[in-house]
């Protein structure tokens, strides 16, 4: 596959948008660090599909809550370790 990943293309897309439209990342988000990187590269927001769908299929609503909590905790830890306050 010779197509760049969404995270690899993000910086160029944000630059091309020039702040005229919000840019959202969809695809490849598996960890809180992925969320951090996308926001650092200029994404306005992130869509999380596969982890949520897999969790829903295996554990239902409880699984979705778990995966979202895990992503949040990883994101908050990454923020703290990077010296970011908000």
PDB file of N, CA and C in Angstrom:
ATOM      1  N   UNK A   1       0.848  -1.168   0.000  1.00  0.00           N
ATOM      2  CA  UNK A   1       0.000   0.000   0.000  1.00  0.00           C
ATOM      3  C   UNK A   1       0.900   1.239   0.000  1.00  0.00           C
ATOM      4  N   UNK A   2       0.724   2.081  -0.975  1.00  0.00           N
ATOM      5  CA  UNK A   2       1.573   3.263  -1.124  1.00  0.00           C
ATOM      6  C   UNK A   2       0.886   4.553  -0.694  1.00  0.00           C
ATOM      7  N   UNK A   3      -0.236   4.440  -0.054  1.00  0.00           N
ATOM      8  CA  UNK A   3      -0.982   5.612   0.396  1.00  0.00           C
ATOM      9  C   UNK A   3      -0.483   6.003   1.788  1.00  0.00           C
ATOM     10  N   UNK A   4      -0.213   7.290   2.019  1.00  0.00           N
ATOM     11  CA  UNK A   4       0.236   7.683   3.360  1.00  0.00           C
ATOM     12  C   UNK A   4      -0.877   7.500   4.388  1.00  0.00           C
ATOM     13  N   UNK A   5      -0.484   7.206   5.604  1.00  0.00           N
ATOM     14  CA  UNK A   5      -1.473   7.066   6.676  1.00  0.00           C
ATOM     15  C   UNK A   5      -2.106   8.424   6.951  1.00  0.00           C
ATOM     16  N   UNK A   6      -3.232   8.407   7.619  1.00  0.00           N
ATOM     17  CA  UNK A   6      -3.931   9.662   7.909  1.00  0.00           C
ATOM     18  C   UNK A   6      -3.065  10.599   8.747  1.00  0.00           C
ATOM     19  N   UNK A   7      -2.341  10.056   9.711  1.00  0.00           N
ATOM     20  CA  UNK A   7      -1.505  10.901  10.567  1.00  0.00           C
ATOM     21  C   UNK A   7      -0.353  11.501   9.771  1.00  0.00           C
ATOM     22  N   UNK A   8       0.159  10.756   8.786  1.00  0.00           N
ATOM     23  CA  UNK A   8       1.252  11.269   7.962  1.00  0.00           C
ATOM     24  C   UNK A   8       0.780  12.390   7.038  1.00  0.00           C
ATOM     25  N   UNK A   9      -0.464  12.343   6.618  1.00  0.00           N
ATOM     26  CA  UNK A   9      -1.013  13.357   5.710  1.00  0.00           C
ATOM     27  C   UNK A   9      -1.576  14.564   6.454  1.00  0.00           C
ATOM     28  N   UNK A  10      -1.788  14.433   7.738  1.00  0.00           N
ATOM     29  CA  UNK A  10      -2.504  15.454   8.508  1.00  0.00           C
ATOM     30  C   UNK A  10      -1.865  16.835   8.448  1.00  0.00           C
ATOM     31  N   UNK A  11      -0.582  16.921   8.658  1.00  0.00           N
ATOM     32  CA  UNK A  11       0.079  18.228   8.702  1.00  0.00           C
ATOM     33  C   UNK A  11      -0.102  18.987   7.382  1.00  0.00           C
ATOM     34  N   UNK A  12       0.022  18.281   6.276  1.00  0.00           N
ATOM     35  CA  UNK A  12      -0.155  18.905   4.962  1.00  0.00           C
ATOM     36  C   UNK A  12      -1.601  19.367   4.756  1.00  0.00           C
ATOM     37  N   UNK A  13      -2.547  18.569   5.200  1.00  0.00           N
ATOM     38  CA  UNK A  13      -3.963  18.924   5.068  1.00  0.00           C
ATOM     39  C   UNK A  13      -4.282  20.157   5.910  1.00  0.00           C
ATOM     40  N   UNK A  14      -3.783  20.192   7.130  1.00  0.00           N
ATOM     41  CA  UNK A  14      -4.008  21.346   8.011  1.00  0.00           C
ATOM     42  C   UNK A  14      -3.428  22.606   7.373  1.00  0.00           C
ATOM     43  N   UNK A  15      -2.250  22.476   6.813  1.00  0.00           N
ATOM     44  CA  UNK A  15      -1.613  23.619   6.156  1.00  0.00           C
ATOM     45  C   UNK A  15      -2.443  24.098   4.970  1.00  0.00           C
ATOM     46  N   UNK A  16      -2.951  23.163   4.172  1.00  0.00           N
ATOM     47  CA  UNK A  16      -3.760  23.519   3.000  1.00  0.00           C
ATOM     48  C   UNK A  16      -5.085  24.165   3.403  1.00  0.00           C
ATOM     49  N   UNK A  17      -5.643  23.747   4.522  1.00  0.00           N
ATOM     50  CA  UNK A  17      -6.929  24.298   4.982  1.00  0.00           C
ATOM     51  C   UNK A  17      -6.788  25.745   5.446  1.00  0.00           C
ATOM     52  N   UNK A  18      -5.597  26.144   5.851  1.00  0.00           N
ATOM     53  CA  UNK A  18      -5.290  27.515   6.265  1.00  0.00           C
ATOM     54  C   UNK A  18      -6.284  28.076   7.285  1.00  0.00           C
ATOM     55  N   UNK A  19      -6.819  27.225   8.133  1.00  0.00           N
ATOM     56  CA  UNK A  19      -7.736  27.677   9.168  1.00  0.00           C
ATOM     57  C   UNK A  19      -9.134  28.017   8.683  1.00  0.00           C
ATOM     58  N   UNK A  20      -9.398  27.807   7.403  1.00  0.00           N
ATOM     59  CA  UNK A  20     -10.725  28.130   6.853  1.00  0.00           C
ATOM     60  C   UNK A  20     -11.779  27.115   7.258  1.00  0.00           C
ATOM     61  N   UNK A  21     -11.366  25.892   7.461  1.00  0.00           N
ATOM     62  CA  UNK A  21     -12.292  24.828   7.862  1.00  0.00           C
ATOM     63  C   UNK A  21     -11.619  23.978   8.933  1.00  0.00           C
ATOM     64  N   UNK A  22     -12.393  23.399   9.827  1.00  0.00           N
ATOM     65  CA  UNK A  22     -11.789  22.492  10.807  1.00  0.00           C
ATOM     66  C   UNK A  22     -11.339  21.210  10.117  1.00  0.00           C
ATOM     67  N   UNK A  23     -10.266  20.647  10.600  1.00  0.00           N
ATOM     68  CA  UNK A  23      -9.731  19.400  10.048  1.00  0.00           C
ATOM     69  C   UNK A  23      -9.838  18.327  11.126  1.00  0.00           C
ATOM     70  N   UNK A  24     -10.492  17.234  10.783  1.00  0.00           N
ATOM     71  CA  UNK A  24     -10.661  16.118  11.706  1.00  0.00           C
ATOM     72  C   UNK A  24      -9.883  14.917  11.202  1.00  0.00           C
ATOM     73  N   UNK A  25      -9.316  14.158  12.116  1.00  0.00           N
ATOM     74  CA  UNK A  25      -8.587  12.944  11.763  1.00  0.00           C
ATOM     75  C   UNK A  25      -9.492  11.745  11.981  1.00  0.00           C
ATOM     76  N   UNK A  26      -9.539  10.876  10.992  1.00  0.00           N
ATOM     77  CA  UNK A  26     -10.329   9.651  11.101  1.00  0.00           C
ATOM     78  C   UNK A  26      -9.497   8.510  10.544  1.00  0.00           C
ATOM     79  N   UNK A  27      -9.139   7.581  11.389  1.00  0.00           N
ATOM     80  CA  UNK A  27      -8.389   6.419  10.937  1.00  0.00           C
ATOM     81  C   UNK A  27      -7.047   6.293  11.635  1.00  0.00           C
ATOM     82  N   UNK A  28      -6.781   5.116  12.140  1.00  0.00           N
ATOM     83  CA  UNK A  28      -5.489   4.833  12.738  1.00  0.00           C
ATOM     84  C   UNK A  28      -5.345   5.205  14.202  1.00  0.00           C
ATOM     85  N   UNK A  29      -6.396   5.691  14.820  1.00  0.00           N
ATOM     86  CA  UNK A  29      -6.314   6.078  16.233  1.00  0.00           C
ATOM     87  C   UNK A  29      -6.574   4.845  17.096  1.00  0.00           C
ATOM     88  N   UNK A  30      -5.541   4.440  17.840  1.00  0.00           N
ATOM     89  CA  UNK A  30      -5.666   3.260  18.693  1.00  0.00           C
ATOM     90  C   UNK A  30      -5.301   3.551  20.147  1.00  0.00           C
ATOM     91  N   UNK A  31      -4.562   4.640  20.353  1.00  0.00           N
ATOM     92  CA  UNK A  31      -4.060   4.950  21.692  1.00  0.00           C
ATOM     93  C   UNK A  31      -4.221   6.434  21.985  1.00  0.00           C
ATOM     94  N   UNK A  32      -4.105   6.780  23.252  1.00  0.00           N
ATOM     95  CA  UNK A  32      -4.170   8.183  23.638  1.00  0.00           C
ATOM     96  C   UNK A  32      -3.043   9.002  23.036  1.00  0.00           C
ATOM     97  N   UNK A  33      -1.899   8.360  22.804  1.00  0.00           N
ATOM     98  CA  UNK A  33      -0.784   9.066  22.168  1.00  0.00           C
ATOM     99  C   UNK A  33      -1.119   9.445  20.731  1.00  0.00           C
ATOM    100  N   UNK A  34      -1.943   8.648  20.066  1.00  0.00           N
ATOM    101  CA  UNK A  34      -2.378   8.987  18.703  1.00  0.00           C
ATOM    102  C   UNK A  34      -3.237  10.250  18.719  1.00  0.00           C
ATOM    103  N   UNK A  35      -4.092  10.369  19.714  1.00  0.00           N
ATOM    104  CA  UNK A  35      -4.928  11.563  19.869  1.00  0.00           C
ATOM    105  C   UNK A  35      -4.034  12.776  20.096  1.00  0.00           C
ATOM    106  N   UNK A  36      -3.062  12.635  20.969  1.00  0.00           N
ATOM    107  CA  UNK A  36      -2.130  13.724  21.271  1.00  0.00           C
ATOM    108  C   UNK A  36      -1.395  14.179  20.012  1.00  0.00           C
ATOM    109  N   UNK A  37      -0.856  13.233  19.254  1.00  0.00           N
ATOM    110  CA  UNK A  37      -0.120  13.580  18.037  1.00  0.00           C
ATOM    111  C   UNK A  37      -1.005  14.305  17.036  1.00  0.00           C
ATOM    112  N   UNK A  38      -2.228  13.821  16.863  1.00  0.00           N
ATOM    113  CA  UNK A  38      -3.136  14.447  15.900  1.00  0.00           C
ATOM    114  C   UNK A  38      -3.457  15.883  16.300  1.00  0.00           C
ATOM    115  N   UNK A  39      -3.723  16.106  17.563  1.00  0.00           N
ATOM    116  CA  UNK A  39      -4.010  17.466  18.028  1.00  0.00           C
ATOM    117  C   UNK A  39      -2.775  18.354  17.895  1.00  0.00           C
ATOM    118  N   UNK A  40      -1.599  17.797  18.200  1.00  0.00           N
ATOM    119  CA  UNK A  40      -0.358  18.562  18.083  1.00  0.00           C
ATOM    120  C   UNK A  40      -0.070  18.949  16.637  1.00  0.00           C
ATOM    121  N   UNK A  41      -0.508  18.120  15.698  1.00  0.00           N
ATOM    122  CA  UNK A  41      -0.295  18.407  14.276  1.00  0.00           C
ATOM    123  C   UNK A  41      -1.381  19.297  13.687  1.00  0.00           C
ATOM    124  N   UNK A  42      -2.349  19.699  14.513  1.00  0.00           N
ATOM    125  CA  UNK A  42      -3.333  20.669  14.060  1.00  0.00           C
ATOM    126  C   UNK A  42      -4.745  20.183  13.851  1.00  0.00           C
ATOM    127  N   UNK A  43      -5.030  18.931  14.161  1.00  0.00           N
ATOM    128  CA  UNK A  43      -6.404  18.437  14.008  1.00  0.00           C
ATOM    129  C   UNK A  43      -7.331  19.160  14.979  1.00  0.00           C
ATOM    130  N   UNK A  44      -8.532  19.453  14.515  1.00  0.00           N
ATOM    131  CA  UNK A  44      -9.548  20.076  15.373  1.00  0.00           C
ATOM    132  C   UNK A  44     -10.213  19.041  16.263  1.00  0.00           C
ATOM    133  N   UNK A  45     -10.217  17.807  15.809  1.00  0.00           N
ATOM    134  CA  UNK A  45     -10.836  16.717  16.542  1.00  0.00           C
ATOM    135  C   UNK A  45     -10.457  15.391  15.916  1.00  0.00           C
ATOM    136  N   UNK A  46     -10.803  14.317  16.607  1.00  0.00           N
ATOM    137  CA  UNK A  46     -10.432  12.974  16.178  1.00  0.00           C
ATOM    138  C   UNK A  46     -11.648  12.071  16.268  1.00  0.00           C
ATOM    139  N   UNK A  47     -11.830  11.252  15.245  1.00  0.00           N
ATOM    140  CA  UNK A  47     -12.884  10.241  15.276  1.00  0.00           C
ATOM    141  C   UNK A  47     -12.252   8.909  15.659  1.00  0.00           C
ATOM    142  N   UNK A  48     -12.908   8.179  16.526  1.00  0.00           N
ATOM    143  CA  UNK A  48     -12.396   6.894  16.993  1.00  0.00           C
ATOM    144  C   UNK A  48     -13.416   5.836  16.624  1.00  0.00           C
ATOM    145  N   UNK A  49     -13.095   5.022  15.642  1.00  0.00           N
ATOM    146  CA  UNK A  49     -14.053   4.040  15.150  1.00  0.00           C
ATOM    147  C   UNK A  49     -13.771   2.619  15.584  1.00  0.00           C
ATOM    148  N   UNK A  50     -12.702   2.055  15.053  1.00  0.00           N
ATOM    149  CA  UNK A  50     -12.434   0.630  15.250  1.00  0.00           C
ATOM    150  C   UNK A  50     -12.355   0.213  16.716  1.00  0.00           C
ATOM    151  N   UNK A  51     -11.608   0.911  17.567  1.00  0.00           N
ATOM    152  CA  UNK A  51     -11.569   0.482  18.971  1.00  0.00           C
ATOM    153  C   UNK A  51     -12.952   0.465  19.623  1.00  0.00           C
ATOM    154  N   UNK A  52     -13.780   1.439  19.279  1.00  0.00           N
ATOM    155  CA  UNK A  52     -15.127   1.506  19.851  1.00  0.00           C
ATOM    156  C   UNK A  52     -15.993   0.368  19.330  1.00  0.00           C
ATOM    157  N   UNK A  53     -15.940   0.123  18.029  1.00  0.00           N
ATOM    158  CA  UNK A  53     -16.758  -0.945  17.434  1.00  0.00           C
ATOM    159  C   UNK A  53     -16.335  -2.304  17.970  1.00  0.00           C
ATOM    160  N   UNK A  54     -15.037  -2.557  18.040  1.00  0.00           N
ATOM    161  CA  UNK A  54     -14.562  -3.839  18.563  1.00  0.00           C
ATOM    162  C   UNK A  54     -14.973  -4.019  20.021  1.00  0.00           C
ATOM    163  N   UNK A  55     -14.861  -2.964  20.805  1.00  0.00           N
ATOM    164  CA  UNK A  55     -15.251  -3.040  22.215  1.00  0.00           C
ATOM    165  C   UNK A  55     -16.745  -3.261  22.369  1.00  0.00           C
ATOM    166  N   UNK A  56     -17.522  -2.606  21.521  1.00  0.00           N
ATOM    167  CA  UNK A  56     -18.973  -2.784  21.547  1.00  0.00           C
ATOM    168  C   UNK A  56     -19.339  -4.224  21.212  1.00  0.00           C
ATOM    169  N   UNK A  57     -18.673  -4.785  20.210  1.00  0.00           N
ATOM    170  CA  UNK A  57     -18.965  -6.160  19.798  1.00  0.00           C
ATOM    171  C   UNK A  57     -18.575  -7.176  20.863  1.00  0.00           C
ATOM    172  N   UNK A  58     -17.494  -6.911  21.584  1.00  0.00           N
ATOM    173  CA  UNK A  58     -17.030  -7.905  22.550  1.00  0.00           C
ATOM    174  C   UNK A  58     -17.627  -7.740  23.946  1.00  0.00           C
ATOM    175  N   UNK A  59     -17.851  -6.485  24.380  1.00  0.00           N
ATOM    176  CA  UNK A  59     -18.315  -6.273  25.749  1.00  0.00           C
ATOM    177  C   UNK A  59     -19.498  -5.323  25.867  1.00  0.00           C
ATOM    178  N   UNK A  60     -20.053  -4.926  24.744  1.00  0.00           N
ATOM    179  CA  UNK A  60     -21.200  -4.028  24.783  1.00  0.00           C
ATOM    180  C   UNK A  60     -20.843  -2.644  25.300  1.00  0.00           C
ATOM    181  N   UNK A  61     -21.819  -1.998  25.908  1.00  0.00           N
ATOM    182  CA  UNK A  61     -21.626  -0.633  26.408  1.00  0.00           C
ATOM    183  C   UNK A  61     -20.470  -0.545  27.399  1.00  0.00           C
ATOM    184  N   UNK A  62     -20.322  -1.559  28.233  1.00  0.00           N
ATOM    185  CA  UNK A  62     -19.230  -1.575  29.208  1.00  0.00           C
ATOM    186  C   UNK A  62     -17.882  -1.534  28.501  1.00  0.00           C
ATOM    187  N   UNK A  63     -17.757  -2.277  27.416  1.00  0.00           N
ATOM    188  CA  UNK A  63     -16.516  -2.287  26.646  1.00  0.00           C
ATOM    189  C   UNK A  63     -16.206  -0.938  26.038  1.00  0.00           C
ATOM    190  N   UNK A  64     -17.238  -0.277  25.536  1.00  0.00           N
ATOM    191  CA  UNK A  64     -17.043   1.055  24.951  1.00  0.00           C
ATOM    192  C   UNK A  64     -16.579   2.027  26.026  1.00  0.00           C
ATOM    193  N   UNK A  65     -17.217   1.976  27.177  1.00  0.00           N
ATOM    194  CA  UNK A  65     -16.805   2.858  28.281  1.00  0.00           C
ATOM    195  C   UNK A  65     -15.344   2.595  28.668  1.00  0.00           C
ATOM    196  N   UNK A  66     -14.953   1.317  28.703  1.00  0.00           N
ATOM    197  CA  UNK A  66     -13.580   0.954  29.067  1.00  0.00           C
ATOM    198  C   UNK A  66     -12.575   1.517  28.068  1.00  0.00           C
ATOM    199  N   UNK A  67     -12.845   1.319  26.784  1.00  0.00           N
ATOM    200  CA  UNK A  67     -11.875   1.763  25.776  1.00  0.00           C
ATOM    201  C   UNK A  67     -11.777   3.282  25.746  1.00  0.00           C
ATOM    202  N   UNK A  68     -12.891   3.974  25.904  1.00  0.00           N
ATOM    203  CA  UNK A  68     -12.849   5.436  25.922  1.00  0.00           C
ATOM    204  C   UNK A  68     -12.120   5.948  27.162  1.00  0.00           C
ATOM    205  N   UNK A  69     -12.328   5.286  28.295  1.00  0.00           N
ATOM    206  CA  UNK A  69     -11.617   5.661  29.521  1.00  0.00           C
ATOM    207  C   UNK A  69     -10.120   5.413  29.368  1.00  0.00           C
ATOM    208  N   UNK A  70      -9.756   4.287  28.751  1.00  0.00           N
ATOM    209  CA  UNK A  70      -8.351   3.975  28.528  1.00  0.00           C
ATOM    210  C   UNK A  70      -7.701   5.039  27.635  1.00  0.00           C
ATOM    211  N   UNK A  71      -8.379   5.405  26.545  1.00  0.00           N
ATOM    212  CA  UNK A  71      -7.855   6.435  25.646  1.00  0.00           C
ATOM    213  C   UNK A  71      -7.685   7.760  26.384  1.00  0.00           C
ATOM    214  N   UNK A  72      -8.661   8.099  27.193  1.00  0.00           N
ATOM    215  CA  UNK A  72      -8.593   9.356  27.949  1.00  0.00           C
ATOM    216  C   UNK A  72      -7.420   9.348  28.923  1.00  0.00           C
ATOM    217  N   UNK A  73      -7.259   8.254  29.648  1.00  0.00           N
ATOM    218  CA  UNK A  73      -6.166   8.162  30.616  1.00  0.00           C
ATOM    219  C   UNK A  73      -4.807   8.236  29.924  1.00  0.00           C
ATOM    220  N   UNK A  74      -4.667   7.533  28.795  1.00  0.00           N
ATOM    221  CA  UNK A  74      -3.413   7.581  28.044  1.00  0.00           C
ATOM    222  C   UNK A  74      -3.146   8.996  27.526  1.00  0.00           C
ATOM    223  N   UNK A  75      -4.200   9.648  27.040  1.00  0.00           N
ATOM    224  CA  UNK A  75      -4.061  11.013  26.537  1.00  0.00           C
ATOM    225  C   UNK A  75      -3.642  11.956  27.658  1.00  0.00           C
ATOM    226  N   UNK A  76      -4.294  11.859  28.802  1.00  0.00           N
ATOM    227  CA  UNK A  76      -3.966  12.732  29.931  1.00  0.00           C
ATOM    228  C   UNK A  76      -2.543  12.487  30.431  1.00  0.00           C
ATOM    229  N   UNK A  77      -2.110  11.227  30.451  1.00  0.00           N
ATOM    230  CA  UNK A  77      -0.740  10.914  30.858  1.00  0.00           C
ATOM    231  C   UNK A  77       0.256  11.511  29.866  1.00  0.00           C
ATOM    232  N   UNK A  78      -0.024  11.371  28.592  1.00  0.00           N
ATOM    233  CA  UNK A  78       0.848  11.935  27.560  1.00  0.00           C
ATOM    234  C   UNK A  78       0.928  13.451  27.691  1.00  0.00           C
ATOM    235  N   UNK A  79      -0.211  14.078  27.956  1.00  0.00           N
ATOM    236  CA  UNK A  79      -0.229  15.532  28.159  1.00  0.00           C
ATOM    237  C   UNK A  79       0.664  15.908  29.348  1.00  0.00           C
ATOM    238  N   UNK A  80       0.506  15.211  30.447  1.00  0.00           N
ATOM    239  CA  UNK A  80       1.284  15.513  31.649  1.00  0.00           C
ATOM    240  C   UNK A  80       2.779  15.305  31.408  1.00  0.00           C
ATOM    241  N   UNK A  81       3.136  14.199  30.762  1.00  0.00           N
ATOM    242  CA  UNK A  81       4.547  13.912  30.500  1.00  0.00           C
ATOM    243  C   UNK A  81       5.160  14.899  29.516  1.00  0.00           C
ATOM    244  N   UNK A  82       4.314  15.524  28.708  1.00  0.00           N
ATOM    245  CA  UNK A  82       4.787  16.513  27.729  1.00  0.00           C
ATOM    246  C   UNK A  82       4.805  17.924  28.298  1.00  0.00           C
ATOM    247  N   UNK A  83       4.337  18.076  29.524  1.00  0.00           N
ATOM    248  CA  UNK A  83       4.318  19.386  30.155  1.00  0.00           C
ATOM    249  C   UNK A  83       3.144  20.252  29.739  1.00  0.00           C
ATOM    250  N   UNK A  84       2.136  19.641  29.127  1.00  0.00           N
ATOM    251  CA  UNK A  84       0.944  20.388  28.701  1.00  0.00           C
ATOM    252  C   UNK A  84      -0.059  20.431  29.845  1.00  0.00           C
ATOM    253  N   UNK A  85      -0.628  21.597  30.072  1.00  0.00           N
ATOM    254  CA  UNK A  85      -1.599  21.740  31.158  1.00  0.00           C
ATOM    255  C   UNK A  85      -3.034  21.668  30.680  1.00  0.00           C
ATOM    256  N   UNK A  86      -3.264  21.963  29.412  1.00  0.00           N
ATOM    257  CA  UNK A  86      -4.643  21.910  28.904  1.00  0.00           C
ATOM    258  C   UNK A  86      -4.650  21.553  27.430  1.00  0.00           C
TER     259      UNK A  86
END
